[in-house]
Amino acid sequence: MRAINHAVTGAVIAVASGNAWLAVPAAIASHFVLDAIPHHGDAHKVPDSQSFTNTLIADALLCIGLVAVLSVWQPSHWQLASVCAFLATSPDLMWIGRFRNARRGLKPPRFNTIMRFHSQIQWFQRPIGVVTEVAWFIGMSWILYGIGR
């Protein structure tokens, strides 16, 4: 899933629960649940391509925009929602080494156990998965708006 979908899901979890002890681990776990759902992926893009980089930048800007909206709107537990938005996206930070090495033309680092698991659960990453991505974003945004009022 795109980072914005992970982030908005983390925010929904936080606003809905209002409990950091529940929301923090649930937000992190939600990342892996979402990645197991068929989605649009970057498997067809070369990690050192400009297109891949542009996608990462756009996704990061959308996540920053979500946190900005939360800070202006200030629904209940908005600070926790901002933290959980980040935590829900954070498992993808494990790929930074591979991205960095691809940009430098170096051999990618070896997969560890978590990376193998994370890679294997993403069994469907195809262009048609954009439908899932858009539907998920609209649904989670609608839920966030509904519970945040």
C-alpha atoms as a PDB file:
ATOM      1  CA  MET A   1       0.000   0.000   0.000  1.00  0.00           C
ATOM      2  CA  ARG A   2       1.009   3.583  -0.465  1.00  0.00           C
ATOM      3  CA  ALA A   3       2.316   5.310   2.654  1.00  0.00           C
ATOM      4  CA  ILE A   4      -0.678   7.658   2.745  1.00  0.00           C
ATOM      5  CA  ASN A   5      -3.004   4.664   3.153  1.00  0.00           C
ATOM      6  CA  HIS A   6      -0.888   3.312   6.001  1.00  0.00           C
ATOM      7  CA  ALA A   7      -0.856   6.778   7.585  1.00  0.00           C
ATOM      8  CA  VAL A   8      -4.579   7.441   7.365  1.00  0.00           C
ATOM      9  CA  THR A   9      -5.273   3.953   8.752  1.00  0.00           C
ATOM     10  CA  GLY A  10      -2.952   4.628  11.697  1.00  0.00           C
ATOM     11  CA  ALA A  11      -4.741   7.917  12.307  1.00  0.00           C
ATOM     12  CA  VAL A  12      -8.149   6.201  12.260  1.00  0.00           C
ATOM     13  CA  ILE A  13      -6.938   3.604  14.756  1.00  0.00           C
ATOM     14  CA  ALA A  14      -5.696   6.324  17.113  1.00  0.00           C
ATOM     15  CA  VAL A  15      -8.786   8.533  16.919  1.00  0.00           C
ATOM     16  CA  ALA A  16     -11.113   5.544  17.261  1.00  0.00           C
ATOM     17  CA  SER A  17      -9.333   4.050  20.261  1.00  0.00           C
ATOM     18  CA  GLY A  18      -7.939   7.112  21.991  1.00  0.00           C
ATOM     19  CA  ASN A  19      -5.679   4.743  23.906  1.00  0.00           C
ATOM     20  CA  ALA A  20      -1.945   4.862  23.144  1.00  0.00           C
ATOM     21  CA  TRP A  21      -1.345   1.398  24.609  1.00  0.00           C
ATOM     22  CA  LEU A  22      -3.798  -0.030  22.082  1.00  0.00           C
ATOM     23  CA  ALA A  23      -3.289   2.359  19.165  1.00  0.00           C
ATOM     24  CA  VAL A  24       0.514   2.204  18.885  1.00  0.00           C
ATOM     25  CA  PRO A  25       0.879  -1.582  18.407  1.00  0.00           C
ATOM     26  CA  ALA A  26      -2.320  -1.709  16.315  1.00  0.00           C
ATOM     27  CA  ALA A  27      -1.012   1.019  14.000  1.00  0.00           C
ATOM     28  CA  ILE A  28       2.257  -0.859  13.468  1.00  0.00           C
ATOM     29  CA  ALA A  29       0.437  -4.161  12.924  1.00  0.00           C
ATOM     30  CA  SER A  30      -1.971  -2.487  10.487  1.00  0.00           C
ATOM     31  CA  HIS A  31       0.956  -1.909   8.140  1.00  0.00           C
ATOM     32  CA  PHE A  32       1.397  -5.630   7.573  1.00  0.00           C
ATOM     33  CA  VAL A  33      -2.356  -6.245   7.299  1.00  0.00           C
ATOM     34  CA  LEU A  34      -2.646  -3.579   4.592  1.00  0.00           C
ATOM     35  CA  ASP A  35       0.369  -4.907   2.715  1.00  0.00           C
ATOM     36  CA  ALA A  36      -1.319  -8.326   2.555  1.00  0.00           C
ATOM     37  CA  ILE A  37      -4.275  -6.772   0.698  1.00  0.00           C
ATOM     38  CA  PRO A  38      -3.900  -6.627  -3.108  1.00  0.00           C
ATOM     39  CA  HIS A  39      -2.581  -3.177  -3.970  1.00  0.00           C
ATOM     40  CA  HIS A  40      -0.666  -1.089  -6.455  1.00  0.00           C
ATOM     41  CA  GLY A  41       3.019  -1.644  -6.047  1.00  0.00           C
ATOM     42  CA  ASP A  42       6.406  -0.558  -7.197  1.00  0.00           C
ATOM     43  CA  ALA A  43       7.536  -4.013  -8.259  1.00  0.00           C
ATOM     44  CA  HIS A  44       7.432  -2.809 -11.870  1.00  0.00           C
ATOM     45  CA  LYS A  45       9.575   0.263 -11.111  1.00  0.00           C
ATOM     46  CA  VAL A  46      13.327   0.220 -10.802  1.00  0.00           C
ATOM     47  CA  PRO A  47      14.296   1.544  -7.325  1.00  0.00           C
ATOM     48  CA  ASP A  48      16.909   3.869  -8.793  1.00  0.00           C
ATOM     49  CA  SER A  49      14.503   5.374 -11.363  1.00  0.00           C
ATOM     50  CA  GLN A  50      13.263   8.943 -11.189  1.00  0.00           C
ATOM     51  CA  SER A  51       9.682   7.662 -11.357  1.00  0.00           C
ATOM     52  CA  PHE A  52      10.210   5.585  -8.211  1.00  0.00           C
ATOM     53  CA  THR A  53      11.812   8.551  -6.430  1.00  0.00           C
ATOM     54  CA  ASN A  54       8.979  10.867  -7.471  1.00  0.00           C
ATOM     55  CA  THR A  55       6.432   8.386  -6.143  1.00  0.00           C
ATOM     56  CA  LEU A  56       8.217   8.256  -2.774  1.00  0.00           C
ATOM     57  CA  ILE A  57       8.372  12.051  -2.570  1.00  0.00           C
ATOM     58  CA  ALA A  58       4.683  12.453  -3.471  1.00  0.00           C
ATOM     59  CA  ASP A  59       3.721   9.837  -0.888  1.00  0.00           C
ATOM     60  CA  ALA A  60       5.805  11.553   1.809  1.00  0.00           C
ATOM     61  CA  LEU A  61       4.202  14.912   0.985  1.00  0.00           C
ATOM     62  CA  LEU A  62       0.731  13.381   1.266  1.00  0.00           C
ATOM     63  CA  CYS A  63       1.622  11.984   4.699  1.00  0.00           C
ATOM     64  CA  ILE A  64       2.935  15.371   5.820  1.00  0.00           C
ATOM     65  CA  GLY A  65      -0.298  16.871   4.499  1.00  0.00           C
ATOM     66  CA  LEU A  66      -2.331  14.418   6.579  1.00  0.00           C
ATOM     67  CA  VAL A  67      -0.481  15.433   9.745  1.00  0.00           C
ATOM     68  CA  ALA A  68      -0.962  19.105   8.825  1.00  0.00           C
ATOM     69  CA  VAL A  69      -4.707  18.522   8.396  1.00  0.00           C
ATOM     70  CA  LEU A  70      -4.845  16.737  11.747  1.00  0.00           C
ATOM     71  CA  SER A  71      -3.008  19.589  13.476  1.00  0.00           C
ATOM     72  CA  VAL A  72      -5.352  22.223  12.031  1.00  0.00           C
ATOM     73  CA  TRP A  73      -8.556  20.203  12.411  1.00  0.00           C
ATOM     74  CA  GLN A  74      -7.594  18.813  15.833  1.00  0.00           C
ATOM     75  CA  PRO A  75     -10.018  15.923  16.203  1.00  0.00           C
ATOM     76  CA  SER A  76      -9.924  14.098  19.518  1.00  0.00           C
ATOM     77  CA  HIS A  77      -6.545  12.475  20.140  1.00  0.00           C
ATOM     78  CA  TRP A  78      -5.042  14.215  17.095  1.00  0.00           C
ATOM     79  CA  GLN A  79      -1.507  14.105  18.535  1.00  0.00           C
ATOM     80  CA  LEU A  80      -1.772  10.346  18.987  1.00  0.00           C
ATOM     81  CA  ALA A  81      -3.238  10.134  15.481  1.00  0.00           C
ATOM     82  CA  SER A  82      -0.190  11.964  14.096  1.00  0.00           C
ATOM     83  CA  VAL A  83       2.192   9.604  15.887  1.00  0.00           C
ATOM     84  CA  CYS A  84       0.229   6.539  14.793  1.00  0.00           C
ATOM     85  CA  ALA A  85       0.152   7.813  11.188  1.00  0.00           C
ATOM     86  CA  PHE A  86       3.954   7.778  11.264  1.00  0.00           C
ATOM     87  CA  LEU A  87       4.184   4.443  13.083  1.00  0.00           C
ATOM     88  CA  ALA A  88       1.796   2.805  10.615  1.00  0.00           C
ATOM     89  CA  THR A  89       4.125   3.771   7.753  1.00  0.00           C
ATOM     90  CA  SER A  90       7.380   3.085   9.616  1.00  0.00           C
ATOM     91  CA  PRO A  91       7.863  -0.601   8.697  1.00  0.00           C
ATOM     92  CA  ASP A  92       8.666   0.568   5.168  1.00  0.00           C
ATOM     93  CA  LEU A  93      11.720   2.364   6.540  1.00  0.00           C
ATOM     94  CA  MET A  94      13.447  -1.032   6.515  1.00  0.00           C
ATOM     95  CA  TRP A  95      13.754  -0.651   2.738  1.00  0.00           C
ATOM     96  CA  ILE A  96      15.890   2.506   2.904  1.00  0.00           C
ATOM     97  CA  GLY A  97      19.145   0.528   2.613  1.00  0.00           C
ATOM     98  CA  ARG A  98      17.971  -1.197  -0.553  1.00  0.00           C
ATOM     99  CA  PHE A  99      16.823   2.106  -2.072  1.00  0.00           C
ATOM    100  CA  ARG A 100      20.070   3.865  -1.129  1.00  0.00           C
ATOM    101  CA  ASN A 101      22.214   1.068  -2.549  1.00  0.00           C
ATOM    102  CA  ALA A 102      20.167   0.961  -5.771  1.00  0.00           C
ATOM    103  CA  ARG A 103      20.681   4.717  -6.200  1.00  0.00           C
ATOM    104  CA  ARG A 104      24.429   4.235  -5.739  1.00  0.00           C
ATOM    105  CA  GLY A 105      24.619   1.208  -8.026  1.00  0.00           C
ATOM    106  CA  LEU A 106      25.629  -1.065  -5.150  1.00  0.00           C
ATOM    107  CA  LYS A 107      24.485  -4.556  -4.277  1.00  0.00           C
ATOM    108  CA  PRO A 108      21.350  -4.464  -2.101  1.00  0.00           C
ATOM    109  CA  PRO A 109      21.660  -5.535   1.544  1.00  0.00           C
ATOM    110  CA  ARG A 110      20.552  -9.068   2.337  1.00  0.00           C
ATOM    111  CA  PHE A 111      17.008  -9.667   3.525  1.00  0.00           C
ATOM    112  CA  ASN A 112      16.599 -10.399   7.209  1.00  0.00           C
ATOM    113  CA  THR A 113      13.669 -12.405   8.596  1.00  0.00           C
ATOM    114  CA  ILE A 114      11.339  -9.411   8.909  1.00  0.00           C
ATOM    115  CA  MET A 115      12.205  -8.182   5.404  1.00  0.00           C
ATOM    116  CA  ARG A 116      11.454 -11.636   3.969  1.00  0.00           C
ATOM    117  CA  PHE A 117       8.106 -11.727   5.786  1.00  0.00           C
ATOM    118  CA  HIS A 118       7.293  -8.171   4.711  1.00  0.00           C
ATOM    119  CA  SER A 119       8.136  -8.965   1.106  1.00  0.00           C
ATOM    120  CA  GLN A 120       6.233 -12.266   1.002  1.00  0.00           C
ATOM    121  CA  ILE A 121       2.945 -10.903   2.350  1.00  0.00           C
ATOM    122  CA  GLN A 122       2.807  -8.446  -0.551  1.00  0.00           C
ATOM    123  CA  TRP A 123       1.673 -11.150  -2.934  1.00  0.00           C
ATOM    124  CA  PHE A 124      -0.258  -8.876  -5.315  1.00  0.00           C
ATOM    125  CA  GLN A 125       1.297  -5.620  -6.454  1.00  0.00           C
ATOM    126  CA  ARG A 126      -0.026  -4.735  -9.890  1.00  0.00           C
ATOM    127  CA  PRO A 127      -1.223  -1.568 -11.636  1.00  0.00           C
ATOM    128  CA  ILE A 128      -4.892  -2.586 -11.192  1.00  0.00           C
ATOM    129  CA  GLY A 129      -4.262  -2.438  -7.438  1.00  0.00           C
ATOM    130  CA  VAL A 130      -4.617   1.330  -7.699  1.00  0.00           C
ATOM    131  CA  VAL A 131      -8.386   0.714  -7.467  1.00  0.00           C
ATOM    132  CA  THR A 132      -7.881  -0.815  -4.016  1.00  0.00           C
ATOM    133  CA  GLU A 133      -5.569   2.039  -3.020  1.00  0.00           C
ATOM    134  CA  VAL A 134      -8.041   4.759  -4.002  1.00  0.00           C
ATOM    135  CA  ALA A 135     -11.019   2.969  -2.442  1.00  0.00           C
ATOM    136  CA  TRP A 136      -9.075   2.403   0.790  1.00  0.00           C
ATOM    137  CA  PHE A 137      -8.019   6.049   0.992  1.00  0.00           C
ATOM    138  CA  ILE A 138     -11.563   7.318   0.407  1.00  0.00           C
ATOM    139  CA  GLY A 139     -13.013   4.854   2.929  1.00  0.00           C
ATOM    140  CA  MET A 140     -10.466   5.577   5.661  1.00  0.00           C
ATOM    141  CA  SER A 141     -10.714   9.329   5.094  1.00  0.00           C
ATOM    142  CA  TRP A 142     -14.495   9.101   5.387  1.00  0.00           C
ATOM    143  CA  ILE A 143     -14.213   7.098   8.604  1.00  0.00           C
ATOM    144  CA  LEU A 144     -11.626   9.516  10.018  1.00  0.00           C
ATOM    145  CA  TYR A 145     -13.881  12.447   9.253  1.00  0.00           C
ATOM    146  CA  GLY A 146     -16.891  10.679  10.776  1.00  0.00           C
ATOM    147  CA  ILE A 147     -15.209   9.703  14.050  1.00  0.00           C
ATOM    148  CA  GLY A 148     -13.181  12.890  14.294  1.00  0.00           C
ATOM    149  CA  ARG A 149     -16.173  15.250  14.343  1.00  0.00           C
END
